[in-house]
Structure formats: C-alpha cells, structure tokens
Amino acid sequence: MKKPKIKGLVYSTDTGRTCPNCGHSIKQCCCPNKLSRQQGDGVVRVSRQTKGRKGSGVSLITGVPLGEAELKKLAKQLKKNCGSGGTVKNGVIEIQGDHRVILVKTLINLGYKAKQAGG
C-alpha cells in the first residue's frame, strides 16, 4: 500500500501550521467552511462535564449560532455573571464550575432558547 503524498507546505518555522486548503497560516485561514458556523436545531444546551479535568467540573455551552468574535464577547459576559473563569474552544463556551442554572437564566434573558442538557 502506498502512502499518500502530501501536497504543499505542511509546516514552516516562519508561519507555523498552514491550512491544507488555502495554504495560509491557520490564524489567517480564509476558507469558507471556517468562516461560517453550522447552525444546529436552534437550542442552546448547557451541560456539565468533568472528563479529562482531574475531577474539576466545567459548564459547557453548545449550539450558540454566533461567530468566533461574538462567542468570545458572550463568554466574557457569562463569566462575569457567574464570577468565574472560562474559555472558548471550537465553538463551545467553557465556564469553570457548575453554573448551569445561572447560565440558562442568563441565556434566556439574552433571547436564546436555552435548556439544561445531561443529568
């Protein structure tokens, strides 16, 4: 079985990782699939997860139909309401601690259709 050949530049010490589609660096990628976020069923789900965090729980907010910059602004507002830290990773907002009730109320007040997911 032959190994598939990789076309183009894969890594450069000058720019770092490059996008296989457009050839730009990952931060400057201009591919259309990155720019548009897929819309789900219109429900924002708030769940709790401890997997891979050494027992520390985080609240996960998924299904928000916003771009990356708007997600960061929303995450900042939610972190302020909960009084804790957090981040945005791959379109999912992570808030440190179990703040599901506060997050659902805040998202409903902001006009999103939100509900708790999981146990």
PDB file of N, CA and C in Angstrom:
ATOM      1  N   MET A   1       0.824  -1.176   0.000  1.00  0.00           N
ATOM      2  CA  MET A   1       0.000   0.000   0.000  1.00  0.00           C
ATOM      3  C   MET A   1       0.879   1.254   0.000  1.00  0.00           C
ATOM      4  N   LYS A   2       0.629   2.159  -0.900  1.00  0.00           N
ATOM      5  CA  LYS A   2       1.420   3.372  -0.994  1.00  0.00           C
ATOM      6  C   LYS A   2       0.904   4.416  -0.009  1.00  0.00           C
ATOM      7  N   LYS A   3       1.827   5.183   0.509  1.00  0.00           N
ATOM      8  CA  LYS A   3       1.453   6.292   1.375  1.00  0.00           C
ATOM      9  C   LYS A   3       1.012   7.455   0.497  1.00  0.00           C
ATOM     10  N   PRO A   4      -0.068   8.144   0.880  1.00  0.00           N
ATOM     11  CA  PRO A   4      -0.487   9.292   0.069  1.00  0.00           C
ATOM     12  C   PRO A   4       0.505  10.437   0.227  1.00  0.00           C
ATOM     13  N   LYS A   5       0.797  11.097  -0.871  1.00  0.00           N
ATOM     14  CA  LYS A   5       1.713  12.229  -0.836  1.00  0.00           C
ATOM     15  C   LYS A   5       0.964  13.472  -0.387  1.00  0.00           C
ATOM     16  N   ILE A   6       1.606  14.217   0.475  1.00  0.00           N
ATOM     17  CA  ILE A   6       1.032  15.469   0.949  1.00  0.00           C
ATOM     18  C   ILE A   6       1.496  16.569   0.014  1.00  0.00           C
ATOM     19  N   LYS A   7       0.547  17.288  -0.541  1.00  0.00           N
ATOM     20  CA  LYS A   7       0.879  18.360  -1.475  1.00  0.00           C
ATOM     21  C   LYS A   7       1.005  19.670  -0.715  1.00  0.00           C
ATOM     22  N   GLY A   8       1.970  20.448  -1.063  1.00  0.00           N
ATOM     23  CA  GLY A   8       2.131  21.765  -0.478  1.00  0.00           C
ATOM     24  C   GLY A   8       2.897  21.734   0.828  1.00  0.00           C
ATOM     25  N   LEU A   9       3.024  22.874   1.418  1.00  0.00           N
ATOM     26  CA  LEU A   9       3.763  23.071   2.645  1.00  0.00           C
ATOM     27  C   LEU A   9       2.912  22.637   3.831  1.00  0.00           C
ATOM     28  N   VAL A  10       3.457  21.816   4.712  1.00  0.00           N
ATOM     29  CA  VAL A  10       2.722  21.333   5.873  1.00  0.00           C
ATOM     30  C   VAL A  10       3.072  22.142   7.103  1.00  0.00           C
ATOM     31  N   TYR A  11       4.349  22.449   7.300  1.00  0.00           N
ATOM     32  CA  TYR A  11       4.775  23.213   8.464  1.00  0.00           C
ATOM     33  C   TYR A  11       5.959  24.076   8.081  1.00  0.00           C
ATOM     34  N   SER A  12       5.978  25.281   8.603  1.00  0.00           N
ATOM     35  CA  SER A  12       7.088  26.179   8.348  1.00  0.00           C
ATOM     36  C   SER A  12       7.433  26.879   9.651  1.00  0.00           C
ATOM     37  N   THR A  13       8.723  27.051   9.921  1.00  0.00           N
ATOM     38  CA  THR A  13       9.114  27.761  11.136  1.00  0.00           C
ATOM     39  C   THR A  13       8.789  29.241  11.032  1.00  0.00           C
ATOM     40  N   ASP A  14       8.540  29.709   9.825  1.00  0.00           N
ATOM     41  CA  ASP A  14       8.213  31.118   9.615  1.00  0.00           C
ATOM     42  C   ASP A  14       6.757  31.397   9.974  1.00  0.00           C
ATOM     43  N   THR A  15       5.832  30.561   9.512  1.00  0.00           N
ATOM     44  CA  THR A  15       4.409  30.813   9.741  1.00  0.00           C
ATOM     45  C   THR A  15       3.743  29.798  10.655  1.00  0.00           C
ATOM     46  N   GLY A  16       4.377  28.681  10.960  1.00  0.00           N
ATOM     47  CA  GLY A  16       3.743  27.642  11.768  1.00  0.00           C
ATOM     48  C   GLY A  16       2.905  26.743  10.887  1.00  0.00           C
ATOM     49  N   ARG A  17       1.842  26.182  11.415  1.00  0.00           N
ATOM     50  CA  ARG A  17       0.976  25.280  10.659  1.00  0.00           C
ATOM     51  C   ARG A  17       0.221  26.045   9.584  1.00  0.00           C
ATOM     52  N   THR A  18       0.007  25.380   8.459  1.00  0.00           N
ATOM     53  CA  THR A  18      -0.707  26.001   7.355  1.00  0.00           C
ATOM     54  C   THR A  18      -1.963  25.210   7.031  1.00  0.00           C
ATOM     55  N   CYS A  19      -2.944  25.895   6.482  1.00  0.00           N
ATOM     56  CA  CYS A  19      -4.202  25.271   6.082  1.00  0.00           C
ATOM     57  C   CYS A  19      -3.972  24.445   4.811  1.00  0.00           C
ATOM     58  N   PRO A  20      -4.454  23.196   4.781  1.00  0.00           N
ATOM     59  CA  PRO A  20      -4.249  22.389   3.584  1.00  0.00           C
ATOM     60  C   PRO A  20      -5.067  22.868   2.382  1.00  0.00           C
ATOM     61  N   ASN A  21      -6.138  23.606   2.621  1.00  0.00           N
ATOM     62  CA  ASN A  21      -6.992  24.060   1.525  1.00  0.00           C
ATOM     63  C   ASN A  21      -6.490  25.340   0.870  1.00  0.00           C
ATOM     64  N   CYS A  22      -6.251  26.373   1.682  1.00  0.00           N
ATOM     65  CA  CYS A  22      -5.893  27.661   1.097  1.00  0.00           C
ATOM     66  C   CYS A  22      -4.398  27.957   1.149  1.00  0.00           C
ATOM     67  N   GLY A  23      -3.635  27.264   1.997  1.00  0.00           N
ATOM     68  CA  GLY A  23      -2.205  27.469   2.071  1.00  0.00           C
ATOM     69  C   GLY A  23      -1.761  28.571   3.010  1.00  0.00           C
ATOM     70  N   HIS A  24      -2.688  29.326   3.588  1.00  0.00           N
ATOM     71  CA  HIS A  24      -2.341  30.369   4.548  1.00  0.00           C
ATOM     72  C   HIS A  24      -2.075  29.735   5.908  1.00  0.00           C
ATOM     73  N   SER A  25      -1.519  30.532   6.841  1.00  0.00           N
ATOM     74  CA  SER A  25      -1.331  30.028   8.194  1.00  0.00           C
ATOM     75  C   SER A  25      -2.712  29.802   8.824  1.00  0.00           C
ATOM     76  N   ILE A  26      -2.761  28.970   9.848  1.00  0.00           N
ATOM     77  CA  ILE A  26      -4.048  28.608  10.471  1.00  0.00           C
ATOM     78  C   ILE A  26      -4.776  29.848  10.987  1.00  0.00           C
ATOM     79  N   LYS A  27      -4.047  30.804  11.554  1.00  0.00           N
ATOM     80  CA  LYS A  27      -4.671  32.026  12.071  1.00  0.00           C
ATOM     81  C   LYS A  27      -5.229  32.915  10.969  1.00  0.00           C
ATOM     82  N   GLN A  28      -4.627  32.855   9.779  1.00  0.00           N
ATOM     83  CA  GLN A  28      -5.062  33.697   8.668  1.00  0.00           C
ATOM     84  C   GLN A  28      -5.862  32.924   7.628  1.00  0.00           C
ATOM     85  N   CYS A  29      -6.371  31.755   7.986  1.00  0.00           N
ATOM     86  CA  CYS A  29      -7.112  30.906   7.046  1.00  0.00           C
ATOM     87  C   CYS A  29      -8.343  31.654   6.532  1.00  0.00           C
ATOM     88  N   CYS A  30      -8.579  31.557   5.217  1.00  0.00           N
ATOM     89  CA  CYS A  30      -9.706  32.258   4.608  1.00  0.00           C
ATOM     90  C   CYS A  30     -10.681  31.284   3.951  1.00  0.00           C
ATOM     91  N   CYS A  31     -10.673  30.038   4.387  1.00  0.00           N
ATOM     92  CA  CYS A  31     -11.568  29.031   3.812  1.00  0.00           C
ATOM     93  C   CYS A  31     -13.015  29.328   4.215  1.00  0.00           C
ATOM     94  N   PRO A  32     -13.973  29.119   3.308  1.00  0.00           N
ATOM     95  CA  PRO A  32     -15.368  29.435   3.622  1.00  0.00           C
ATOM     96  C   PRO A  32     -15.958  28.554   4.715  1.00  0.00           C
ATOM     97  N   ASN A  33     -15.505  27.310   4.874  1.00  0.00           N
ATOM     98  CA  ASN A  33     -16.103  26.452   5.899  1.00  0.00           C
ATOM     99  C   ASN A  33     -15.707  26.901   7.303  1.00  0.00           C
ATOM    100  N   LYS A  34     -14.588  27.623   7.444  1.00  0.00           N
ATOM    101  CA  LYS A  34     -14.193  28.127   8.753  1.00  0.00           C
ATOM    102  C   LYS A  34     -14.969  29.392   9.104  1.00  0.00           C
ATOM    103  N   LEU A  35     -15.256  30.202   8.099  1.00  0.00           N
ATOM    104  CA  LEU A  35     -15.911  31.473   8.353  1.00  0.00           C
ATOM    105  C   LEU A  35     -17.365  31.324   8.754  1.00  0.00           C
ATOM    106  N   SER A  36     -18.062  30.332   8.243  1.00  0.00           N
ATOM    107  CA  SER A  36     -19.467  30.161   8.578  1.00  0.00           C
ATOM    108  C   SER A  36     -19.634  29.011   9.558  1.00  0.00           C
ATOM    109  N   ARG A  37     -20.301  29.264  10.644  1.00  0.00           N
ATOM    110  CA  ARG A  37     -20.530  28.262  11.666  1.00  0.00           C
ATOM    111  C   ARG A  37     -21.848  27.550  11.367  1.00  0.00           C
ATOM    112  N   GLN A  38     -21.841  26.236  11.497  1.00  0.00           N
ATOM    113  CA  GLN A  38     -23.050  25.482  11.210  1.00  0.00           C
ATOM    114  C   GLN A  38     -24.106  25.754  12.269  1.00  0.00           C
ATOM    115  N   GLN A  39     -25.324  25.899  11.816  1.00  0.00           N
ATOM    116  CA  GLN A  39     -26.425  26.143  12.729  1.00  0.00           C
ATOM    117  C   GLN A  39     -27.037  24.815  13.129  1.00  0.00           C
ATOM    118  N   GLY A  40     -27.346  24.654  14.400  1.00  0.00           N
ATOM    119  CA  GLY A  40     -27.937  23.419  14.891  1.00  0.00           C
ATOM    120  C   GLY A  40     -29.449  23.489  14.820  1.00  0.00           C
ATOM    121  N   ASP A  41     -30.092  22.994  15.853  1.00  0.00           N
ATOM    122  CA  ASP A  41     -31.546  22.975  15.893  1.00  0.00           C
ATOM    123  C   ASP A  41     -32.121  24.219  16.559  1.00  0.00           C
ATOM    124  N   GLY A  42     -31.280  25.192  16.891  1.00  0.00           N
ATOM    125  CA  GLY A  42     -31.762  26.441  17.472  1.00  0.00           C
ATOM    126  C   GLY A  42     -31.832  26.429  18.985  1.00  0.00           C
ATOM    127  N   VAL A  43     -31.407  25.349  19.617  1.00  0.00           N
ATOM    128  CA  VAL A  43     -31.443  25.244  21.069  1.00  0.00           C
ATOM    129  C   VAL A  43     -30.021  25.318  21.605  1.00  0.00           C
ATOM    130  N   VAL A  44     -29.819  26.214  22.557  1.00  0.00           N
ATOM    131  CA  VAL A  44     -28.522  26.327  23.218  1.00  0.00           C
ATOM    132  C   VAL A  44     -28.558  25.385  24.417  1.00  0.00           C
ATOM    133  N   ARG A  45     -27.590  24.465  24.475  1.00  0.00           N
ATOM    134  CA  ARG A  45     -27.574  23.461  25.540  1.00  0.00           C
ATOM    135  C   ARG A  45     -26.459  23.767  26.536  1.00  0.00           C
ATOM    136  N   VAL A  46     -26.805  23.694  27.822  1.00  0.00           N
ATOM    137  CA  VAL A  46     -25.854  23.932  28.895  1.00  0.00           C
ATOM    138  C   VAL A  46     -25.696  22.621  29.654  1.00  0.00           C
ATOM    139  N   SER A  47     -24.471  22.091  29.677  1.00  0.00           N
ATOM    140  CA  SER A  47     -24.225  20.818  30.351  1.00  0.00           C
ATOM    141  C   SER A  47     -23.014  20.954  31.261  1.00  0.00           C
ATOM    142  N   ARG A  48     -22.782  19.920  32.052  1.00  0.00           N
ATOM    143  CA  ARG A  48     -21.646  19.885  32.966  1.00  0.00           C
ATOM    144  C   ARG A  48     -20.759  18.716  32.579  1.00  0.00           C
ATOM    145  N   GLN A  49     -19.432  18.913  32.659  1.00  0.00           N
ATOM    146  CA  GLN A  49     -18.504  17.854  32.297  1.00  0.00           C
ATOM    147  C   GLN A  49     -17.289  17.897  33.211  1.00  0.00           C
ATOM    148  N   THR A  50     -16.805  16.702  33.592  1.00  0.00           N
ATOM    149  CA  THR A  50     -15.589  16.601  34.397  1.00  0.00           C
ATOM    150  C   THR A  50     -14.527  15.780  33.688  1.00  0.00           C
ATOM    151  N   LYS A  51     -14.847  15.211  32.554  1.00  0.00           N
ATOM    152  CA  LYS A  51     -13.948  14.315  31.832  1.00  0.00           C
ATOM    153  C   LYS A  51     -12.658  15.030  31.422  1.00  0.00           C
ATOM    154  N   GLY A  52     -11.518  14.444  31.780  1.00  0.00           N
ATOM    155  CA  GLY A  52     -10.232  14.981  31.393  1.00  0.00           C
ATOM    156  C   GLY A  52      -9.811  16.219  32.150  1.00  0.00           C
ATOM    157  N   ARG A  53     -10.462  16.501  33.285  1.00  0.00           N
ATOM    158  CA  ARG A  53     -10.142  17.711  34.045  1.00  0.00           C
ATOM    159  C   ARG A  53      -9.781  17.403  35.496  1.00  0.00           C
ATOM    160  N   LYS A  54      -9.382  16.162  35.756  1.00  0.00           N
ATOM    161  CA  LYS A  54      -8.974  15.711  37.089  1.00  0.00           C
ATOM    162  C   LYS A  54     -10.058  15.960  38.129  1.00  0.00           C
ATOM    163  N   GLY A  55     -11.310  15.757  37.772  1.00  0.00           N
ATOM    164  CA  GLY A  55     -12.430  15.890  38.699  1.00  0.00           C
ATOM    165  C   GLY A  55     -13.027  17.279  38.792  1.00  0.00           C
ATOM    166  N   SER A  56     -12.368  18.273  38.244  1.00  0.00           N
ATOM    167  CA  SER A  56     -12.902  19.638  38.276  1.00  0.00           C
ATOM    168  C   SER A  56     -13.987  19.763  37.220  1.00  0.00           C
ATOM    169  N   GLY A  57     -15.144  20.248  37.609  1.00  0.00           N
ATOM    170  CA  GLY A  57     -16.257  20.371  36.678  1.00  0.00           C
ATOM    171  C   GLY A  57     -16.272  21.704  35.958  1.00  0.00           C
ATOM    172  N   VAL A  58     -16.741  21.679  34.725  1.00  0.00           N
ATOM    173  CA  VAL A  58     -16.963  22.893  33.953  1.00  0.00           C
ATOM    174  C   VAL A  58     -18.355  22.841  33.342  1.00  0.00           C
ATOM    175  N   SER A  59     -18.928  23.987  33.117  1.00  0.00           N
ATOM    176  CA  SER A  59     -20.208  24.086  32.429  1.00  0.00           C
ATOM    177  C   SER A  59     -19.926  24.351  30.956  1.00  0.00           C
ATOM    178  N   LEU A  60     -20.507  23.538  30.074  1.00  0.00           N
ATOM    179  CA  LEU A  60     -20.305  23.670  28.639  1.00  0.00           C
ATOM    180  C   LEU A  60     -21.549  24.253  27.996  1.00  0.00           C
ATOM    181  N   ILE A  61     -21.371  25.231  27.135  1.00  0.00           N
ATOM    182  CA  ILE A  61     -22.480  25.854  26.416  1.00  0.00           C
ATOM    183  C   ILE A  61     -22.261  25.589  24.935  1.00  0.00           C
ATOM    184  N   THR A  62     -23.159  24.817  24.328  1.00  0.00           N
ATOM    185  CA  THR A  62     -23.040  24.438  22.928  1.00  0.00           C
ATOM    186  C   THR A  62     -24.273  24.880  22.153  1.00  0.00           C
ATOM    187  N   GLY A  63     -24.120  25.024  20.853  1.00  0.00           N
ATOM    188  CA  GLY A  63     -25.249  25.341  19.983  1.00  0.00           C
ATOM    189  C   GLY A  63     -25.536  26.814  19.825  1.00  0.00           C
ATOM    190  N   VAL A  64     -24.611  27.677  20.237  1.00  0.00           N
ATOM    191  CA  VAL A  64     -24.823  29.118  20.088  1.00  0.00           C
ATOM    192  C   VAL A  64     -24.498  29.503  18.648  1.00  0.00           C
ATOM    193  N   PRO A  65     -25.457  30.060  17.911  1.00  0.00           N
ATOM    194  CA  PRO A  65     -25.235  30.368  16.488  1.00  0.00           C
ATOM    195  C   PRO A  65     -24.528  31.709  16.270  1.00  0.00           C
ATOM    196  N   LEU A  66     -23.293  31.813  16.748  1.00  0.00           N
ATOM    197  CA  LEU A  66     -22.530  33.046  16.612  1.00  0.00           C
ATOM    198  C   LEU A  66     -21.151  32.745  16.050  1.00  0.00           C
ATOM    199  N   GLY A  67     -20.514  33.757  15.525  1.00  0.00           N
ATOM    200  CA  GLY A  67     -19.148  33.629  15.043  1.00  0.00           C
ATOM    201  C   GLY A  67     -18.170  33.642  16.209  1.00  0.00           C
ATOM    202  N   GLU A  68     -16.895  33.492  15.897  1.00  0.00           N
ATOM    203  CA  GLU A  68     -15.872  33.362  16.945  1.00  0.00           C
ATOM    204  C   GLU A  68     -15.764  34.621  17.804  1.00  0.00           C
ATOM    205  N   ALA A  69     -15.778  35.795  17.205  1.00  0.00           N
ATOM    206  CA  ALA A  69     -15.640  37.042  17.959  1.00  0.00           C
ATOM    207  C   ALA A  69     -16.851  37.271  18.868  1.00  0.00           C
ATOM    208  N   GLU A  70     -18.054  36.988  18.343  1.00  0.00           N
ATOM    209  CA  GLU A  70     -19.256  37.172  19.142  1.00  0.00           C
ATOM    210  C   GLU A  70     -19.323  36.157  20.278  1.00  0.00           C
ATOM    211  N   LEU A  71     -18.817  34.942  20.036  1.00  0.00           N
ATOM    212  CA  LEU A  71     -18.779  33.930  21.096  1.00  0.00           C
ATOM    213  C   LEU A  71     -17.883  34.391  22.243  1.00  0.00           C
ATOM    214  N   LYS A  72     -16.763  35.018  21.913  1.00  0.00           N
ATOM    215  CA  LYS A  72     -15.861  35.495  22.955  1.00  0.00           C
ATOM    216  C   LYS A  72     -16.505  36.600  23.783  1.00  0.00           C
ATOM    217  N   LYS A  73     -17.264  37.485  23.128  1.00  0.00           N
ATOM    218  CA  LYS A  73     -17.966  38.543  23.862  1.00  0.00           C
ATOM    219  C   LYS A  73     -19.031  37.949  24.780  1.00  0.00           C
ATOM    220  N   LEU A  74     -19.787  36.976  24.262  1.00  0.00           N
ATOM    221  CA  LEU A  74     -20.807  36.318  25.073  1.00  0.00           C
ATOM    222  C   LEU A  74     -20.172  35.579  26.239  1.00  0.00           C
ATOM    223  N   ALA A  75     -19.049  34.901  25.993  1.00  0.00           N
ATOM    224  CA  ALA A  75     -18.354  34.175  27.056  1.00  0.00           C
ATOM    225  C   ALA A  75     -17.892  35.127  28.148  1.00  0.00           C
ATOM    226  N   LYS A  76     -17.408  36.287  27.758  1.00  0.00           N
ATOM    227  CA  LYS A  76     -16.958  37.275  28.745  1.00  0.00           C
ATOM    228  C   LYS A  76     -18.113  37.728  29.631  1.00  0.00           C
ATOM    229  N   GLN A  77     -19.266  37.949  29.022  1.00  0.00           N
ATOM    230  CA  GLN A  77     -20.439  38.367  29.785  1.00  0.00           C
ATOM    231  C   GLN A  77     -20.908  37.255  30.728  1.00  0.00           C
ATOM    232  N   LEU A  78     -20.908  36.010  30.245  1.00  0.00           N
ATOM    233  CA  LEU A  78     -21.337  34.891  31.073  1.00  0.00           C
ATOM    234  C   LEU A  78     -20.363  34.648  32.229  1.00  0.00           C
ATOM    235  N   LYS A  79     -19.073  34.778  31.967  1.00  0.00           N
ATOM    236  CA  LYS A  79     -18.079  34.611  33.027  1.00  0.00           C
ATOM    237  C   LYS A  79     -18.257  35.672  34.104  1.00  0.00           C
ATOM    238  N   LYS A  80     -18.585  36.873  33.678  1.00  0.00           N
ATOM    239  CA  LYS A  80     -18.793  37.964  34.634  1.00  0.00           C
ATOM    240  C   LYS A  80     -20.020  37.688  35.500  1.00  0.00           C
ATOM    241  N   ASN A  81     -21.102  37.182  34.886  1.00  0.00           N
ATOM    242  CA  ASN A  81     -22.314  36.871  35.640  1.00  0.00           C
ATOM    243  C   ASN A  81     -22.089  35.753  36.652  1.00  0.00           C
ATOM    244  N   CYS A  82     -21.260  34.767  36.287  1.00  0.00           N
ATOM    245  CA  CYS A  82     -21.003  33.628  37.172  1.00  0.00           C
ATOM    246  C   CYS A  82     -19.890  33.914  38.170  1.00  0.00           C
ATOM    247  N   GLY A  83     -19.059  34.895  37.898  1.00  0.00           N
ATOM    248  CA  GLY A  83     -17.947  35.202  38.782  1.00  0.00           C
ATOM    249  C   GLY A  83     -16.859  34.152  38.727  1.00  0.00           C
ATOM    250  N   SER A  84     -16.617  33.602  37.553  1.00  0.00           N
ATOM    251  CA  SER A  84     -15.579  32.582  37.417  1.00  0.00           C
ATOM    252  C   SER A  84     -14.899  32.720  36.055  1.00  0.00           C
ATOM    253  N   GLY A  85     -13.879  31.907  35.841  1.00  0.00           N
ATOM    254  CA  GLY A  85     -13.127  31.949  34.605  1.00  0.00           C
ATOM    255  C   GLY A  85     -13.728  31.031  33.557  1.00  0.00           C
ATOM    256  N   GLY A  86     -13.135  31.039  32.393  1.00  0.00           N
ATOM    257  CA  GLY A  86     -13.606  30.172  31.320  1.00  0.00           C
ATOM    258  C   GLY A  86     -12.889  30.480  30.024  1.00  0.00           C
ATOM    259  N   THR A  87     -13.326  29.807  28.961  1.00  0.00           N
ATOM    260  CA  THR A  87     -12.695  29.970  27.657  1.00  0.00           C
ATOM    261  C   THR A  87     -13.664  29.561  26.554  1.00  0.00           C
ATOM    262  N   VAL A  88     -13.248  29.803  25.311  1.00  0.00           N
ATOM    263  CA  VAL A  88     -13.994  29.362  24.134  1.00  0.00           C
ATOM    264  C   VAL A  88     -13.084  28.431  23.341  1.00  0.00           C
ATOM    265  N   LYS A  89     -13.537  27.188  23.117  1.00  0.00           N
ATOM    266  CA  LYS A  89     -12.762  26.212  22.356  1.00  0.00           C
ATOM    267  C   LYS A  89     -13.666  25.554  21.325  1.00  0.00           C
ATOM    268  N   ASN A  90     -13.307  25.668  20.060  1.00  0.00           N
ATOM    269  CA  ASN A  90     -14.018  25.010  18.955  1.00  0.00           C
ATOM    270  C   ASN A  90     -15.519  25.297  18.964  1.00  0.00           C
ATOM    271  N   GLY A  91     -15.907  26.522  19.229  1.00  0.00           N
ATOM    272  CA  GLY A  91     -17.309  26.894  19.201  1.00  0.00           C
ATOM    273  C   GLY A  91     -18.081  26.514  20.455  1.00  0.00           C
ATOM    274  N   VAL A  92     -17.392  26.046  21.490  1.00  0.00           N
ATOM    275  CA  VAL A  92     -18.024  25.664  22.753  1.00  0.00           C
ATOM    276  C   VAL A  92     -17.494  26.585  23.840  1.00  0.00           C
ATOM    277  N   ILE A  93     -18.408  27.174  24.614  1.00  0.00           N
ATOM    278  CA  ILE A  93     -18.010  28.040  25.717  1.00  0.00           C
ATOM    279  C   ILE A  93     -17.873  27.172  26.966  1.00  0.00           C
ATOM    280  N   GLU A  94     -16.730  27.268  27.641  1.00  0.00           N
ATOM    281  CA  GLU A  94     -16.486  26.527  28.875  1.00  0.00           C
ATOM    282  C   GLU A  94     -16.387  27.518  30.019  1.00  0.00           C
ATOM    283  N   ILE A  95     -17.234  27.338  31.040  1.00  0.00           N
ATOM    284  CA  ILE A  95     -17.215  28.165  32.236  1.00  0.00           C
ATOM    285  C   ILE A  95     -16.803  27.277  33.404  1.00  0.00           C
ATOM    286  N   GLN A  96     -15.809  27.695  34.177  1.00  0.00           N
ATOM    287  CA  GLN A  96     -15.318  26.882  35.286  1.00  0.00           C
ATOM    288  C   GLN A  96     -16.362  26.796  36.384  1.00  0.00           C
ATOM    289  N   GLY A  97     -16.622  25.578  36.854  1.00  0.00           N
ATOM    290  CA  GLY A  97     -17.582  25.354  37.935  1.00  0.00           C
ATOM    291  C   GLY A  97     -18.948  24.956  37.398  1.00  0.00           C
ATOM    292  N   ASP A  98     -19.839  24.595  38.318  1.00  0.00           N
ATOM    293  CA  ASP A  98     -21.195  24.180  37.959  1.00  0.00           C
ATOM    294  C   ASP A  98     -22.137  25.372  38.102  1.00  0.00           C
ATOM    295  N   HIS A  99     -22.364  26.081  37.008  1.00  0.00           N
ATOM    296  CA  HIS A  99     -23.217  27.272  36.992  1.00  0.00           C
ATOM    297  C   HIS A  99     -24.365  27.108  36.008  1.00  0.00           C
ATOM    298  N   ARG A 100     -24.871  25.894  35.852  1.00  0.00           N
ATOM    299  CA  ARG A 100     -25.870  25.627  34.815  1.00  0.00           C
ATOM    300  C   ARG A 100     -27.136  26.452  34.995  1.00  0.00           C
ATOM    301  N   VAL A 101     -27.631  26.570  36.217  1.00  0.00           N
ATOM    302  CA  VAL A 101     -28.884  27.297  36.446  1.00  0.00           C
ATOM    303  C   VAL A 101     -28.719  28.777  36.101  1.00  0.00           C
ATOM    304  N   ILE A 102     -27.630  29.377  36.551  1.00  0.00           N
ATOM    305  CA  ILE A 102     -27.374  30.797  36.262  1.00  0.00           C
ATOM    306  C   ILE A 102     -27.205  31.018  34.760  1.00  0.00           C
ATOM    307  N   LEU A 103     -26.489  30.108  34.113  1.00  0.00           N
ATOM    308  CA  LEU A 103     -26.238  30.259  32.677  1.00  0.00           C
ATOM    309  C   LEU A 103     -27.515  30.143  31.859  1.00  0.00           C
ATOM    310  N   VAL A 104     -28.386  29.194  32.212  1.00  0.00           N
ATOM    311  CA  VAL A 104     -29.642  29.041  31.470  1.00  0.00           C
ATOM    312  C   VAL A 104     -30.502  30.284  31.631  1.00  0.00           C
ATOM    313  N   LYS A 105     -30.612  30.807  32.844  1.00  0.00           N
ATOM    314  CA  LYS A 105     -31.404  32.022  33.074  1.00  0.00           C
ATOM    315  C   LYS A 105     -30.838  33.209  32.301  1.00  0.00           C
ATOM    316  N   THR A 106     -29.520  33.354  32.312  1.00  0.00           N
ATOM    317  CA  THR A 106     -28.885  34.464  31.596  1.00  0.00           C
ATOM    318  C   THR A 106     -29.102  34.352  30.093  1.00  0.00           C
ATOM    319  N   LEU A 107     -28.938  33.145  29.549  1.00  0.00           N
ATOM    320  CA  LEU A 107     -29.123  32.958  28.107  1.00  0.00           C
ATOM    321  C   LEU A 107     -30.571  33.201  27.688  1.00  0.00           C
ATOM    322  N   ILE A 108     -31.535  32.794  28.509  1.00  0.00           N
ATOM    323  CA  ILE A 108     -32.944  33.053  28.198  1.00  0.00           C
ATOM    324  C   ILE A 108     -33.221  34.553  28.217  1.00  0.00           C
ATOM    325  N   ASN A 109     -32.627  35.270  29.194  1.00  0.00           N
ATOM    326  CA  ASN A 109     -32.803  36.723  29.253  1.00  0.00           C
ATOM    327  C   ASN A 109     -32.177  37.413  28.043  1.00  0.00           C
ATOM    328  N   LEU A 110     -31.125  36.817  27.472  1.00  0.00           N
ATOM    329  CA  LEU A 110     -30.484  37.382  26.282  1.00  0.00           C
ATOM    330  C   LEU A 110     -31.231  37.053  24.994  1.00  0.00           C
ATOM    331  N   GLY A 111     -32.262  36.218  25.086  1.00  0.00           N
ATOM    332  CA  GLY A 111     -33.087  35.908  23.921  1.00  0.00           C
ATOM    333  C   GLY A 111     -32.811  34.582  23.255  1.00  0.00           C
ATOM    334  N   TYR A 112     -31.979  33.735  23.859  1.00  0.00           N
ATOM    335  CA  TYR A 112     -31.703  32.419  23.299  1.00  0.00           C
ATOM    336  C   TYR A 112     -32.665  31.397  23.866  1.00  0.00           C
ATOM    337  N   LYS A 113     -32.945  30.385  23.092  1.00  0.00           N
ATOM    338  CA  LYS A 113     -33.747  29.261  23.563  1.00  0.00           C
ATOM    339  C   LYS A 113     -32.766  28.279  24.204  1.00  0.00           C
ATOM    340  N   ALA A 114     -32.681  28.292  25.535  1.00  0.00           N
ATOM    341  CA  ALA A 114     -31.671  27.520  26.242  1.00  0.00           C
ATOM    342  C   ALA A 114     -32.312  26.503  27.162  1.00  0.00           C
ATOM    343  N   LYS A 115     -31.592  25.383  27.357  1.00  0.00           N
ATOM    344  CA  LYS A 115     -32.052  24.362  28.295  1.00  0.00           C
ATOM    345  C   LYS A 115     -30.860  23.586  28.822  1.00  0.00           C
ATOM    346  N   GLN A 116     -31.059  22.953  29.985  1.00  0.00           N
ATOM    347  CA  GLN A 116     -30.018  22.122  30.569  1.00  0.00           C
ATOM    348  C   GLN A 116     -29.984  20.783  29.853  1.00  0.00           C
ATOM    349  N   ALA A 117     -28.796  20.297  29.622  1.00  0.00           N
ATOM    350  CA  ALA A 117     -28.622  19.004  28.970  1.00  0.00           C
ATOM    351  C   ALA A 117     -27.856  18.088  29.913  1.00  0.00           C
ATOM    352  N   GLY A 118     -28.139  16.830  29.865  1.00  0.00           N
ATOM    353  CA  GLY A 118     -27.457  15.870  30.735  1.00  0.00           C
ATOM    354  C   GLY A 118     -28.110  15.814  32.102  1.00  0.00           C
ATOM    355  N   GLY A 119     -27.502  15.044  32.984  1.00  0.00           N
ATOM    356  CA  GLY A 119     -28.063  14.801  34.324  1.00  0.00           C
ATOM    357  C   GLY A 119     -27.790  15.895  35.223  1.00  0.00           C
TER     358      GLY A 119
END
